[in-house]
C-alpha atoms as a PDB file:
ATOM      1  CA  MET A   1     146.927 -69.851  16.853  1.00  0.00           C
ATOM      2  CA  LEU A   2     146.643 -69.006  13.162  1.00  0.00           C
ATOM      3  CA  ASN A   3     143.281 -70.780  12.966  1.00  0.00           C
ATOM      4  CA  SER A   4     142.040 -68.776  15.953  1.00  0.00           C
ATOM      5  CA  PHE A   5     143.211 -65.536  14.314  1.00  0.00           C
ATOM      6  CA  THR A   6     141.537 -66.478  11.011  1.00  0.00           C
ATOM      7  CA  GLN A   7     138.250 -67.220  12.751  1.00  0.00           C
ATOM      8  CA  THR A   8     138.424 -63.929  14.634  1.00  0.00           C
ATOM      9  CA  TRP A   9     139.184 -62.008  11.404  1.00  0.00           C
ATOM     10  CA  LYS A  10     136.318 -63.708   9.564  1.00  0.00           C
ATOM     11  CA  GLY A  11     133.974 -62.911  12.413  1.00  0.00           C
ATOM     12  CA  ALA A  12     134.984 -59.253  12.386  1.00  0.00           C
ATOM     13  CA  VAL A  13     134.474 -59.009   8.621  1.00  0.00           C
ATOM     14  CA  LEU A  14     131.058 -60.645   8.786  1.00  0.00           C
ATOM     15  CA  ALA A  15     130.044 -58.366  11.659  1.00  0.00           C
ATOM     16  CA  ALA A  16     131.156 -55.300   9.731  1.00  0.00           C
ATOM     17  CA  LEU A  17     129.343 -56.519   6.631  1.00  0.00           C
ATOM     18  CA  GLY A  18     126.209 -57.086   8.667  1.00  0.00           C
ATOM     19  CA  LEU A  19     126.382 -53.579  10.085  1.00  0.00           C
ATOM     20  CA  ALA A  20     126.873 -52.152   6.603  1.00  0.00           C
ATOM     21  CA  LEU A  21     123.871 -54.066   5.337  1.00  0.00           C
ATOM     22  CA  LEU A  22     121.790 -52.927   8.273  1.00  0.00           C
ATOM     23  CA  GLY A  23     122.943 -49.374   7.682  1.00  0.00           C
ATOM     24  CA  GLY A  24     122.019 -49.664   4.014  1.00  0.00           C
ATOM     25  CA  THR A  25     118.583 -50.995   4.926  1.00  0.00           C
ATOM     26  CA  SER A  26     118.096 -48.175   7.410  1.00  0.00           C
ATOM     27  CA  ALA A  27     119.184 -45.572   4.861  1.00  0.00           C
ATOM     28  CA  GLN A  28     116.869 -47.086   2.272  1.00  0.00           C
ATOM     29  CA  ALA A  29     113.980 -46.940   4.727  1.00  0.00           C
ATOM     30  CA  GLN A  30     114.680 -43.241   5.154  1.00  0.00           C
ATOM     31  CA  GLN A  31     114.437 -42.631   1.388  1.00  0.00           C
ATOM     32  CA  ILE A  32     110.998 -41.578   0.105  1.00  0.00           C
ATOM     33  CA  THR A  33     110.394 -40.986  -3.589  1.00  0.00           C
ATOM     34  CA  GLY A  34     107.669 -38.946  -5.226  1.00  0.00           C
ATOM     35  CA  ALA A  35     106.884 -37.373  -8.571  1.00  0.00           C
ATOM     36  CA  GLY A  36     104.225 -35.237 -10.177  1.00  0.00           C
ATOM     37  CA  ALA A  37     102.715 -31.780 -10.093  1.00  0.00           C
ATOM     38  CA  THR A  38     104.734 -28.609 -10.628  1.00  0.00           C
ATOM     39  CA  PHE A  39     101.818 -26.531  -9.249  1.00  0.00           C
ATOM     40  CA  PRO A  40     102.765 -27.175  -5.552  1.00  0.00           C
ATOM     41  CA  ALA A  41     106.481 -27.816  -6.160  1.00  0.00           C
ATOM     42  CA  PRO A  42     107.781 -24.616  -4.474  1.00  0.00           C
ATOM     43  CA  LEU A  43     105.976 -25.571  -1.276  1.00  0.00           C
ATOM     44  CA  TYR A  44     106.750 -29.273  -1.504  1.00  0.00           C
ATOM     45  CA  LEU A  45     110.470 -28.665  -1.899  1.00  0.00           C
ATOM     46  CA  LYS A  46     110.424 -26.469   1.210  1.00  0.00           C
ATOM     47  CA  TRP A  47     108.398 -29.057   3.098  1.00  0.00           C
ATOM     48  CA  PHE A  48     110.671 -31.915   2.198  1.00  0.00           C
ATOM     49  CA  GLN A  49     113.806 -30.052   3.249  1.00  0.00           C
ATOM     50  CA  GLU A  50     112.200 -29.170   6.582  1.00  0.00           C
ATOM     51  CA  TYR A  51     111.048 -32.758   7.002  1.00  0.00           C
ATOM     52  CA  LYS A  52     114.587 -34.014   6.414  1.00  0.00           C
ATOM     53  CA  ASN A  53     115.919 -31.526   8.963  1.00  0.00           C
ATOM     54  CA  ALA A  54     113.362 -32.682  11.513  1.00  0.00           C
ATOM     55  CA  THR A  55     113.421 -36.443  10.928  1.00  0.00           C
ATOM     56  CA  GLY A  56     116.467 -37.333   8.828  1.00  0.00           C
ATOM     57  CA  ALA A  57     114.228 -38.817   6.114  1.00  0.00           C
ATOM     58  CA  GLN A  58     115.223 -37.873   2.559  1.00  0.00           C
ATOM     59  CA  VAL A  59     112.300 -37.123   0.221  1.00  0.00           C
ATOM     60  CA  ASN A  60     113.294 -37.119  -3.445  1.00  0.00           C
ATOM     61  CA  TYR A  61     110.609 -35.289  -5.420  1.00  0.00           C
ATOM     62  CA  GLN A  62     110.602 -34.866  -9.199  1.00  0.00           C
ATOM     63  CA  ALA A  63     108.299 -32.079 -10.465  1.00  0.00           C
ATOM     64  CA  ILE A  64     107.341 -33.609 -13.821  1.00  0.00           C
ATOM     65  CA  GLY A  65     103.668 -32.640 -14.093  1.00  0.00           C
ATOM     66  CA  SER A  66     100.481 -34.196 -12.753  1.00  0.00           C
ATOM     67  CA  GLY A  67     100.201 -36.616 -15.664  1.00  0.00           C
ATOM     68  CA  GLY A  68     103.633 -37.995 -14.822  1.00  0.00           C
ATOM     69  CA  GLY A  69     102.695 -38.256 -11.161  1.00  0.00           C
ATOM     70  CA  ILE A  70      99.629 -40.359 -11.968  1.00  0.00           C
ATOM     71  CA  LYS A  71     101.618 -42.611 -14.323  1.00  0.00           C
ATOM     72  CA  ASN A  72     104.377 -43.173 -11.770  1.00  0.00           C
ATOM     73  CA  ILE A  73     102.126 -44.033  -8.837  1.00  0.00           C
ATOM     74  CA  THR A  74     100.026 -46.287 -11.067  1.00  0.00           C
ATOM     75  CA  ALA A  75     103.200 -48.156 -12.058  1.00  0.00           C
ATOM     76  CA  HIS A  76     104.341 -48.346  -8.399  1.00  0.00           C
ATOM     77  CA  ALA A  77     107.508 -46.534  -9.494  1.00  0.00           C
ATOM     78  CA  VAL A  78     107.338 -44.037  -6.603  1.00  0.00           C
ATOM     79  CA  ASP A  79     106.127 -43.954  -3.008  1.00  0.00           C
ATOM     80  CA  PHE A  80     103.662 -41.195  -3.820  1.00  0.00           C
ATOM     81  CA  GLY A  81     102.372 -39.319  -6.825  1.00  0.00           C
ATOM     82  CA  ALA A  82     101.273 -35.688  -6.897  1.00  0.00           C
ATOM     83  CA  SER A  83      98.508 -34.193  -8.989  1.00  0.00           C
ATOM     84  CA  ASP A  84      96.258 -31.141  -9.073  1.00  0.00           C
ATOM     85  CA  ALA A  85      93.908 -33.076 -11.348  1.00  0.00           C
ATOM     86  CA  PRO A  86      91.891 -35.779  -9.615  1.00  0.00           C
ATOM     87  CA  MET A  87      92.352 -39.132 -11.338  1.00  0.00           C
ATOM     88  CA  ASN A  88      89.506 -39.904 -13.712  1.00  0.00           C
ATOM     89  CA  ALA A  89      87.458 -43.112 -13.737  1.00  0.00           C
ATOM     90  CA  ALA A  90      89.719 -44.894 -16.220  1.00  0.00           C
ATOM     91  CA  GLU A  91      92.844 -43.961 -14.253  1.00  0.00           C
ATOM     92  CA  MET A  92      91.260 -45.135 -11.006  1.00  0.00           C
ATOM     93  CA  ALA A  93      90.253 -48.430 -12.622  1.00  0.00           C
ATOM     94  CA  ALA A  94      93.872 -48.977 -13.689  1.00  0.00           C
ATOM     95  CA  ALA A  95      95.100 -48.378 -10.138  1.00  0.00           C
ATOM     96  CA  PRO A  96      92.378 -49.388  -7.649  1.00  0.00           C
ATOM     97  CA  GLY A  97      92.949 -48.471  -4.045  1.00  0.00           C
ATOM     98  CA  ILE A  98      94.588 -45.069  -4.558  1.00  0.00           C
ATOM     99  CA  LEU A  99      93.708 -42.332  -2.083  1.00  0.00           C
ATOM    100  CA  HIS A 100      93.684 -38.618  -2.952  1.00  0.00           C
ATOM    101  CA  ILE A 101      95.052 -36.690   0.022  1.00  0.00           C
ATOM    102  CA  PRO A 102      94.551 -32.912  -0.371  1.00  0.00           C
ATOM    103  CA  THR A 103      97.494 -30.882   0.908  1.00  0.00           C
ATOM    104  CA  VAL A 104      96.811 -27.201   0.101  1.00  0.00           C
ATOM    105  CA  ALA A 105      94.793 -25.070  -2.303  1.00  0.00           C
ATOM    106  CA  GLY A 106      96.309 -22.757  -4.886  1.00  0.00           C
ATOM    107  CA  ALA A 107      95.307 -20.072  -7.368  1.00  0.00           C
ATOM    108  CA  VAL A 108      95.907 -20.340 -11.104  1.00  0.00           C
ATOM    109  CA  VAL A 109      96.617 -16.786 -12.218  1.00  0.00           C
ATOM    110  CA  VAL A 110      96.287 -15.271 -15.678  1.00  0.00           C
ATOM    111  CA  ALA A 111      99.744 -13.748 -16.038  1.00  0.00           C
ATOM    112  CA  TYR A 112     100.789 -11.381 -18.810  1.00  0.00           C
ATOM    113  CA  ASN A 113     103.635  -9.435 -20.382  1.00  0.00           C
ATOM    114  CA  ILE A 114     102.133  -6.380 -22.075  1.00  0.00           C
ATOM    115  CA  PRO A 115     104.689  -3.703 -23.051  1.00  0.00           C
ATOM    116  CA  GLY A 116     104.098  -0.580 -20.984  1.00  0.00           C
ATOM    117  CA  VAL A 117     101.361  -2.147 -18.854  1.00  0.00           C
ATOM    118  CA  GLY A 118     101.942  -3.182 -15.250  1.00  0.00           C
ATOM    119  CA  PRO A 119      99.720  -4.819 -12.662  1.00  0.00           C
ATOM    120  CA  GLY A 120      96.068  -3.925 -12.413  1.00  0.00           C
ATOM    121  CA  ILE A 121      94.175  -5.015 -15.523  1.00  0.00           C
ATOM    122  CA  HIS A 122      90.789  -6.739 -15.467  1.00  0.00           C
ATOM    123  CA  LEU A 123      89.703  -9.744 -17.509  1.00  0.00           C
ATOM    124  CA  THR A 124      86.475 -11.713 -17.739  1.00  0.00           C
ATOM    125  CA  SER A 125      86.056 -15.410 -18.379  1.00  0.00           C
ATOM    126  CA  THR A 126      84.703 -14.667 -21.867  1.00  0.00           C
ATOM    127  CA  ILE A 127      87.762 -12.621 -22.805  1.00  0.00           C
ATOM    128  CA  ILE A 128      90.163 -15.211 -21.388  1.00  0.00           C
ATOM    129  CA  SER A 129      88.390 -17.926 -23.359  1.00  0.00           C
ATOM    130  CA  ASP A 130      88.373 -15.859 -26.566  1.00  0.00           C
ATOM    131  CA  ILE A 131      92.096 -15.107 -26.217  1.00  0.00           C
ATOM    132  CA  PHE A 132      92.991 -18.791 -25.956  1.00  0.00           C
ATOM    133  CA  LEU A 133      90.525 -19.647 -28.734  1.00  0.00           C
ATOM    134  CA  GLY A 134      92.330 -17.146 -30.955  1.00  0.00           C
ATOM    135  CA  LYS A 135      89.305 -14.872 -31.363  1.00  0.00           C
ATOM    136  CA  ILE A 136      90.920 -11.850 -29.644  1.00  0.00           C
ATOM    137  CA  THR A 137      94.411 -11.259 -31.036  1.00  0.00           C
ATOM    138  CA  LYS A 138      95.465  -7.702 -30.066  1.00  0.00           C
ATOM    139  CA  TRP A 139      95.925  -6.184 -26.625  1.00  0.00           C
ATOM    140  CA  ASN A 140      94.171  -2.962 -27.640  1.00  0.00           C
ATOM    141  CA  ASP A 141      90.975  -4.803 -28.574  1.00  0.00           C
ATOM    142  CA  SER A 142      88.056  -2.786 -27.213  1.00  0.00           C
ATOM    143  CA  GLN A 143      86.717  -5.791 -25.325  1.00  0.00           C
ATOM    144  CA  ILE A 144      89.894  -5.692 -23.215  1.00  0.00           C
ATOM    145  CA  THR A 145      90.477  -1.949 -22.942  1.00  0.00           C
ATOM    146  CA  ARG A 146      86.989  -1.074 -21.716  1.00  0.00           C
ATOM    147  CA  LEU A 147      87.467  -3.263 -18.632  1.00  0.00           C
ATOM    148  CA  SER A 148      90.507  -1.285 -17.461  1.00  0.00           C
ATOM    149  CA  PRO A 149      89.792   2.410 -18.057  1.00  0.00           C
ATOM    150  CA  GLY A 150      92.868   4.587 -17.725  1.00  0.00           C
ATOM    151  CA  THR A 151      95.231   1.829 -18.878  1.00  0.00           C
ATOM    152  CA  LYS A 152      96.862   2.466 -22.261  1.00  0.00           C
ATOM    153  CA  PHE A 153      97.083  -0.841 -24.089  1.00  0.00           C
ATOM    154  CA  PRO A 154      99.458  -1.189 -27.052  1.00  0.00           C
ATOM    155  CA  SER A 155      98.516  -2.773 -30.372  1.00  0.00           C
ATOM    156  CA  THR A 156     100.878  -5.640 -29.566  1.00  0.00           C
ATOM    157  CA  SER A 157      99.751  -9.069 -30.757  1.00  0.00           C
ATOM    158  CA  ILE A 158      98.617 -11.432 -28.028  1.00  0.00           C
ATOM    159  CA  PHE A 159     100.949 -14.400 -27.539  1.00  0.00           C
ATOM    160  CA  PRO A 160      99.121 -17.209 -25.682  1.00  0.00           C
ATOM    161  CA  VAL A 161     101.214 -19.689 -23.706  1.00  0.00           C
ATOM    162  CA  HIS A 162      99.997 -23.029 -22.365  1.00  0.00           C
ATOM    163  CA  ARG A 163     101.424 -26.209 -20.906  1.00  0.00           C
ATOM    164  CA  SER A 164     103.024 -28.781 -23.191  1.00  0.00           C
ATOM    165  CA  ASP A 165     102.956 -31.608 -20.634  1.00  0.00           C
ATOM    166  CA  GLY A 166     100.134 -33.412 -18.855  1.00  0.00           C
ATOM    167  CA  SER A 167      99.230 -30.861 -16.220  1.00  0.00           C
ATOM    168  CA  GLY A 168      96.938 -30.458 -13.248  1.00  0.00           C
ATOM    169  CA  THR A 169      97.264 -26.702 -13.654  1.00  0.00           C
ATOM    170  CA  THR A 170      95.887 -27.138 -17.170  1.00  0.00           C
ATOM    171  CA  ASN A 171      93.060 -29.248 -15.760  1.00  0.00           C
ATOM    172  CA  ILE A 172      92.093 -26.504 -13.300  1.00  0.00           C
ATOM    173  CA  PHE A 173      92.314 -23.784 -15.968  1.00  0.00           C
ATOM    174  CA  THR A 174      90.409 -25.666 -18.670  1.00  0.00           C
ATOM    175  CA  THR A 175      87.793 -26.903 -16.192  1.00  0.00           C
ATOM    176  CA  TYR A 176      87.158 -23.276 -15.275  1.00  0.00           C
ATOM    177  CA  LEU A 177      86.871 -22.201 -18.908  1.00  0.00           C
ATOM    178  CA  GLY A 178      84.538 -25.110 -19.633  1.00  0.00           C
ATOM    179  CA  GLU A 179      82.279 -24.050 -16.754  1.00  0.00           C
ATOM    180  CA  VAL A 180      82.007 -20.429 -17.890  1.00  0.00           C
ATOM    181  CA  SER A 181      82.198 -20.772 -21.695  1.00  0.00           C
ATOM    182  CA  PRO A 182      79.917 -23.146 -23.622  1.00  0.00           C
ATOM    183  CA  GLU A 183      82.066 -22.605 -26.715  1.00  0.00           C
ATOM    184  CA  TRP A 184      85.196 -23.662 -24.843  1.00  0.00           C
ATOM    185  CA  LYS A 185      83.434 -26.699 -23.396  1.00  0.00           C
ATOM    186  CA  ASP A 186      82.234 -27.831 -26.822  1.00  0.00           C
ATOM    187  CA  SER A 187      85.355 -27.060 -28.852  1.00  0.00           C
ATOM    188  CA  VAL A 188      88.264 -27.676 -26.466  1.00  0.00           C
ATOM    189  CA  GLY A 189      86.989 -29.253 -23.266  1.00  0.00           C
ATOM    190  CA  ALA A 190      88.854 -29.872 -20.024  1.00  0.00           C
ATOM    191  CA  GLY A 191      91.675 -32.136 -18.940  1.00  0.00           C
ATOM    192  CA  LYS A 192      95.353 -32.459 -18.114  1.00  0.00           C
ATOM    193  CA  SER A 193      96.078 -32.221 -21.859  1.00  0.00           C
ATOM    194  CA  VAL A 194      93.834 -30.610 -24.477  1.00  0.00           C
ATOM    195  CA  HIS A 195      94.156 -29.635 -28.126  1.00  0.00           C
ATOM    196  CA  TRP A 196      95.012 -25.949 -27.917  1.00  0.00           C
ATOM    197  CA  PRO A 197      93.634 -23.829 -30.778  1.00  0.00           C
ATOM    198  CA  ASN A 198      96.757 -21.644 -30.818  1.00  0.00           C
ATOM    199  CA  GLY A 199      99.771 -20.537 -28.808  1.00  0.00           C
ATOM    200  CA  LEU A 200     103.040 -22.087 -27.659  1.00  0.00           C
ATOM    201  CA  GLY A 201     103.562 -24.760 -25.019  1.00  0.00           C
ATOM    202  CA  GLY A 202     105.985 -24.660 -22.094  1.00  0.00           C
ATOM    203  CA  LYS A 203     107.011 -27.504 -19.799  1.00  0.00           C
ATOM    204  CA  GLY A 204     105.867 -27.086 -16.224  1.00  0.00           C
ATOM    205  CA  ASN A 205     104.693 -23.923 -14.500  1.00  0.00           C
ATOM    206  CA  ALA A 206     108.252 -22.611 -14.688  1.00  0.00           C
ATOM    207  CA  GLY A 207     108.410 -23.164 -18.436  1.00  0.00           C
ATOM    208  CA  VAL A 208     105.179 -21.253 -18.997  1.00  0.00           C
ATOM    209  CA  ALA A 209     106.354 -18.416 -16.740  1.00  0.00           C
ATOM    210  CA  GLN A 210     109.608 -18.121 -18.691  1.00  0.00           C
ATOM    211  CA  LEU A 211     107.814 -18.010 -22.053  1.00  0.00           C
ATOM    212  CA  ILE A 212     105.490 -15.263 -20.827  1.00  0.00           C
ATOM    213  CA  LYS A 213     108.456 -13.173 -19.672  1.00  0.00           C
ATOM    214  CA  GLN A 214     110.411 -13.737 -22.874  1.00  0.00           C
ATOM    215  CA  ASN A 215     107.663 -12.748 -25.307  1.00  0.00           C
ATOM    216  CA  ASP A 216     106.049  -9.321 -25.629  1.00  0.00           C
ATOM    217  CA  GLY A 217     102.293  -9.733 -25.554  1.00  0.00           C
ATOM    218  CA  GLY A 218     102.560 -13.019 -23.672  1.00  0.00           C
ATOM    219  CA  ILE A 219      99.692 -14.378 -21.601  1.00  0.00           C
ATOM    220  CA  GLY A 220      99.437 -17.701 -19.818  1.00  0.00           C
ATOM    221  CA  TYR A 221      98.227 -19.524 -16.732  1.00  0.00           C
ATOM    222  CA  ILE A 222     100.527 -20.355 -13.821  1.00  0.00           C
ATOM    223  CA  GLU A 223     100.223 -20.974 -10.105  1.00  0.00           C
ATOM    224  CA  LEU A 224     100.382 -17.784  -8.016  1.00  0.00           C
ATOM    225  CA  SER A 225     103.713 -18.742  -6.421  1.00  0.00           C
ATOM    226  CA  TYR A 226     105.402 -18.761  -9.842  1.00  0.00           C
ATOM    227  CA  ALA A 227     103.979 -15.351 -10.784  1.00  0.00           C
ATOM    228  CA  VAL A 228     105.401 -13.909  -7.558  1.00  0.00           C
ATOM    229  CA  THR A 229     108.765 -15.646  -7.991  1.00  0.00           C
ATOM    230  CA  TYR A 230     109.167 -14.571 -11.619  1.00  0.00           C
ATOM    231  CA  ASN A 231     107.724 -11.095 -10.952  1.00  0.00           C
ATOM    232  CA  ILE A 232     105.035 -11.384 -13.633  1.00  0.00           C
ATOM    233  CA  PRO A 233     101.867  -9.256 -13.311  1.00  0.00           C
ATOM    234  CA  TYR A 234      98.516 -11.033 -13.296  1.00  0.00           C
ATOM    235  CA  ALA A 235      94.932 -10.003 -13.933  1.00  0.00           C
ATOM    236  CA  GLY A 236      91.970  -9.508 -11.686  1.00  0.00           C
ATOM    237  CA  VAL A 237      89.377 -12.022 -12.924  1.00  0.00           C
ATOM    238  CA  ARG A 238      85.634 -11.417 -12.639  1.00  0.00           C
ATOM    239  CA  ASN A 239      84.075 -14.112 -10.474  1.00  0.00           C
ATOM    240  CA  ALA A 240      80.596 -15.634 -10.473  1.00  0.00           C
ATOM    241  CA  LYS A 241      79.276 -12.742  -8.362  1.00  0.00           C
ATOM    242  CA  GLY A 242      80.553 -10.142 -10.836  1.00  0.00           C
ATOM    243  CA  LYS A 243      83.515  -8.906  -8.763  1.00  0.00           C
ATOM    244  CA  PHE A 244      87.014  -8.549 -10.168  1.00  0.00           C
ATOM    245  CA  ILE A 245      89.254 -10.512  -7.804  1.00  0.00           C
ATOM    246  CA  TYR A 246      93.036 -10.434  -7.759  1.00  0.00           C
ATOM    247  CA  PRO A 247      94.388 -13.822  -6.650  1.00  0.00           C
ATOM    248  CA  SER A 248      95.810 -14.052  -3.151  1.00  0.00           C
ATOM    249  CA  VAL A 249      96.122 -16.565  -0.346  1.00  0.00           C
ATOM    250  CA  GLU A 250      93.113 -14.976   1.339  1.00  0.00           C
ATOM    251  CA  ASN A 251      90.667 -15.255  -1.552  1.00  0.00           C
ATOM    252  CA  THR A 252      91.998 -18.701  -2.464  1.00  0.00           C
ATOM    253  CA  SER A 253      91.132 -19.743   1.092  1.00  0.00           C
ATOM    254  CA  ILE A 254      87.660 -18.240   0.698  1.00  0.00           C
ATOM    255  CA  ALA A 255      87.124 -20.265  -2.484  1.00  0.00           C
ATOM    256  CA  ALA A 256      88.350 -23.459  -0.814  1.00  0.00           C
ATOM    257  CA  GLU A 257      86.210 -22.981   2.280  1.00  0.00           C
ATOM    258  CA  GLY A 258      83.089 -22.535   0.176  1.00  0.00           C
ATOM    259  CA  VAL A 259      83.287 -26.006  -1.383  1.00  0.00           C
ATOM    260  CA  THR A 260      81.975 -29.350  -0.166  1.00  0.00           C
ATOM    261  CA  LEU A 261      84.308 -32.112  -1.279  1.00  0.00           C
ATOM    262  CA  PRO A 262      83.061 -35.651  -1.935  1.00  0.00           C
ATOM    263  CA  ALA A 263      84.143 -38.543   0.255  1.00  0.00           C
ATOM    264  CA  ASP A 264      87.148 -39.315  -1.970  1.00  0.00           C
ATOM    265  CA  PHE A 265      88.111 -35.592  -2.301  1.00  0.00           C
ATOM    266  CA  ARG A 266      88.158 -35.803  -6.120  1.00  0.00           C
ATOM    267  CA  LYS A 267      86.790 -32.441  -7.161  1.00  0.00           C
ATOM    268  CA  VAL A 268      88.046 -29.305  -8.946  1.00  0.00           C
ATOM    269  CA  ILE A 269      86.800 -26.217  -7.079  1.00  0.00           C
ATOM    270  CA  THR A 270      86.727 -23.596  -9.843  1.00  0.00           C
ATOM    271  CA  ASN A 271      84.121 -20.841 -10.348  1.00  0.00           C
ATOM    272  CA  THR A 272      83.297 -20.377  -6.676  1.00  0.00           C
ATOM    273  CA  SER A 273      80.048 -18.674  -5.703  1.00  0.00           C
ATOM    274  CA  ALA A 274      81.738 -16.943  -2.736  1.00  0.00           C
ATOM    275  CA  PRO A 275      81.528 -13.153  -3.344  1.00  0.00           C
ATOM    276  CA  GLU A 276      85.177 -12.583  -2.367  1.00  0.00           C
ATOM    277  CA  GLY A 277      86.550 -15.846  -3.736  1.00  0.00           C
ATOM    278  CA  TYR A 278      89.004 -16.094  -6.617  1.00  0.00           C
ATOM    279  CA  PRO A 279      87.417 -18.204  -9.376  1.00  0.00           C
ATOM    280  CA  ILE A 280      90.368 -20.211 -10.768  1.00  0.00           C
ATOM    281  CA  THR A 281      91.424 -22.283  -7.774  1.00  0.00           C
ATOM    282  CA  GLY A 282      92.048 -25.913  -6.979  1.00  0.00           C
ATOM    283  CA  PHE A 283      93.261 -28.340  -4.348  1.00  0.00           C
ATOM    284  CA  THR A 284      96.416 -30.297  -5.011  1.00  0.00           C
ATOM    285  CA  PHE A 285      96.703 -33.934  -3.953  1.00  0.00           C
ATOM    286  CA  LEU A 286      99.250 -36.529  -2.906  1.00  0.00           C
ATOM    287  CA  LEU A 287      98.351 -39.924  -4.354  1.00  0.00           C
ATOM    288  CA  VAL A 288      99.045 -43.037  -2.288  1.00  0.00           C
ATOM    289  CA  TYR A 289      97.730 -46.566  -1.976  1.00  0.00           C
ATOM    290  CA  LYS A 290      95.406 -47.177   0.959  1.00  0.00           C
ATOM    291  CA  ASN A 291      96.892 -50.641   1.422  1.00  0.00           C
ATOM    292  CA  GLY A 292     100.604 -51.356   1.159  1.00  0.00           C
ATOM    293  CA  THR A 293     102.000 -47.826   1.460  1.00  0.00           C
ATOM    294  CA  ARG A 294     105.177 -47.723   3.558  1.00  0.00           C
ATOM    295  CA  PRO A 295     104.848 -46.430   7.149  1.00  0.00           C
ATOM    296  CA  GLU A 296     107.470 -43.757   6.390  1.00  0.00           C
ATOM    297  CA  VAL A 297     105.166 -42.266   3.752  1.00  0.00           C
ATOM    298  CA  LYS A 298     102.242 -42.236   6.171  1.00  0.00           C
ATOM    299  CA  LYS A 299     104.351 -40.292   8.660  1.00  0.00           C
ATOM    300  CA  LEU A 300     105.285 -37.800   5.935  1.00  0.00           C
ATOM    301  CA  LEU A 301     101.627 -37.259   5.033  1.00  0.00           C
ATOM    302  CA  GLU A 302     100.719 -36.653   8.667  1.00  0.00           C
ATOM    303  CA  TRP A 303     103.507 -34.071   8.926  1.00  0.00           C
ATOM    304  CA  CYS A 304     102.367 -32.275   5.745  1.00  0.00           C
ATOM    305  CA  LEU A 305      98.814 -32.048   7.054  1.00  0.00           C
ATOM    306  CA  THR A 306      99.851 -30.698  10.466  1.00  0.00           C
ATOM    307  CA  THR A 307     103.257 -29.024  10.901  1.00  0.00           C
ATOM    308  CA  GLY A 308     103.669 -28.314   7.192  1.00  0.00           C
ATOM    309  CA  GLN A 309     100.463 -26.277   6.917  1.00  0.00           C
ATOM    310  CA  ALA A 310     102.169 -23.367   8.689  1.00  0.00           C
ATOM    311  CA  ASP A 311     104.444 -22.869   5.648  1.00  0.00           C
ATOM    312  CA  ALA A 312     101.675 -22.644   3.059  1.00  0.00           C
ATOM    313  CA  ALA A 313     100.743 -18.953   3.104  1.00  0.00           C
ATOM    314  CA  ALA A 314     104.327 -17.697   2.876  1.00  0.00           C
ATOM    315  CA  GLN A 315     104.691 -19.755  -0.320  1.00  0.00           C
ATOM    316  CA  GLN A 316     101.422 -18.320  -1.768  1.00  0.00           C
ATOM    317  CA  TYR A 317      99.249 -21.378  -1.065  1.00  0.00           C
ATOM    318  CA  ALA A 318      96.141 -21.600   1.091  1.00  0.00           C
ATOM    319  CA  PRO A 319      96.251 -24.022   4.048  1.00  0.00           C
ATOM    320  CA  LEU A 320      93.511 -26.628   4.126  1.00  0.00           C
ATOM    321  CA  PRO A 321      90.216 -25.529   5.683  1.00  0.00           C
ATOM    322  CA  PRO A 322      89.877 -27.175   9.132  1.00  0.00           C
ATOM    323  CA  SER A 323      87.101 -29.533   8.012  1.00  0.00           C
ATOM    324  CA  VAL A 324      89.117 -30.739   5.012  1.00  0.00           C
ATOM    325  CA  LYS A 325      92.230 -31.148   7.156  1.00  0.00           C
ATOM    326  CA  ARG A 326      90.347 -33.335   9.654  1.00  0.00           C
ATOM    327  CA  ARG A 327      89.000 -35.540   6.869  1.00  0.00           C
ATOM    328  CA  ALA A 328      92.418 -35.780   5.194  1.00  0.00           C
ATOM    329  CA  LEU A 329      94.040 -36.888   8.454  1.00  0.00           C
ATOM    330  CA  ALA A 330      91.320 -39.504   8.896  1.00  0.00           C
ATOM    331  CA  ALA A 331      92.044 -40.804   5.388  1.00  0.00           C
ATOM    332  CA  VAL A 332      95.745 -41.083   6.220  1.00  0.00           C
ATOM    333  CA  ALA A 333      94.921 -42.879   9.489  1.00  0.00           C
ATOM    334  CA  SER A 334      92.941 -45.451   7.464  1.00  0.00           C
ATOM    335  CA  MET A 335      96.036 -46.456   5.467  1.00  0.00           C
ATOM    336  CA  ARG A 336      97.390 -49.919   6.194  1.00  0.00           C
END
């Protein structure tokens, strides 16, 4: 009798333990981890909450900068990385087999905090470059004031702000400056991290936005969503066709639609030739391995490229052009 009871008790315990282990395995399968770019973070956080609501899968995303995203996916420390800067040849060689899946396009705005001056100023690529090179140091410099007649600029010193971490936003911004300014190209160059001639660094798009707001005369580069969220004015930038364009979802879409991406998608799309396109734009990418990526991650990518696209504009990002979306979905379908 006692032996029968003991056997029954042991069987119940083992069954319960088995169910717990199965439950743990199931819960683990529903956990997806990612890390990287702050540029798309406002949209990604919304996406991942909606995805959890729809599927039950928990996506844990750490917005640590594009450089961190590349390092983490290279080390297989996360299920996906995120970067606005395409991986360079050396990074690809260190992690062969990584796919770049574009998700949305975004605008990098030139945001400012000029005492007494609200939205509506104009800047050219030359002036932006000279400000960050330290050649233009006062807001009432004639090179600035003549572009915005009727605006009274103070003699406040210009306070440049840049990223302190490895950043895809920095890559987009410095790639643009390198394309339009030979001096910038030769003296500073382009990349996720560069040697800034002057200014103060902030961590992430949010850190740069906060420094701009906190310092009179501040100017820096942030994704459009952050400028809207932090209520920071931003400049109209003269594009390749000579038009001053204020960044918006619409003219970001125009810039994105006017670009032919290579087969692996790795391209920065700055300095568009589209007459109505905003010139400082870029795609942002999720980085995954073509072979060996978990099926749960593949399902997440498919959702981002289909259902998730409807959320983009409300968060100040441009949905993928139809041709890019089709190619991105085909890339995801090729994952094994």
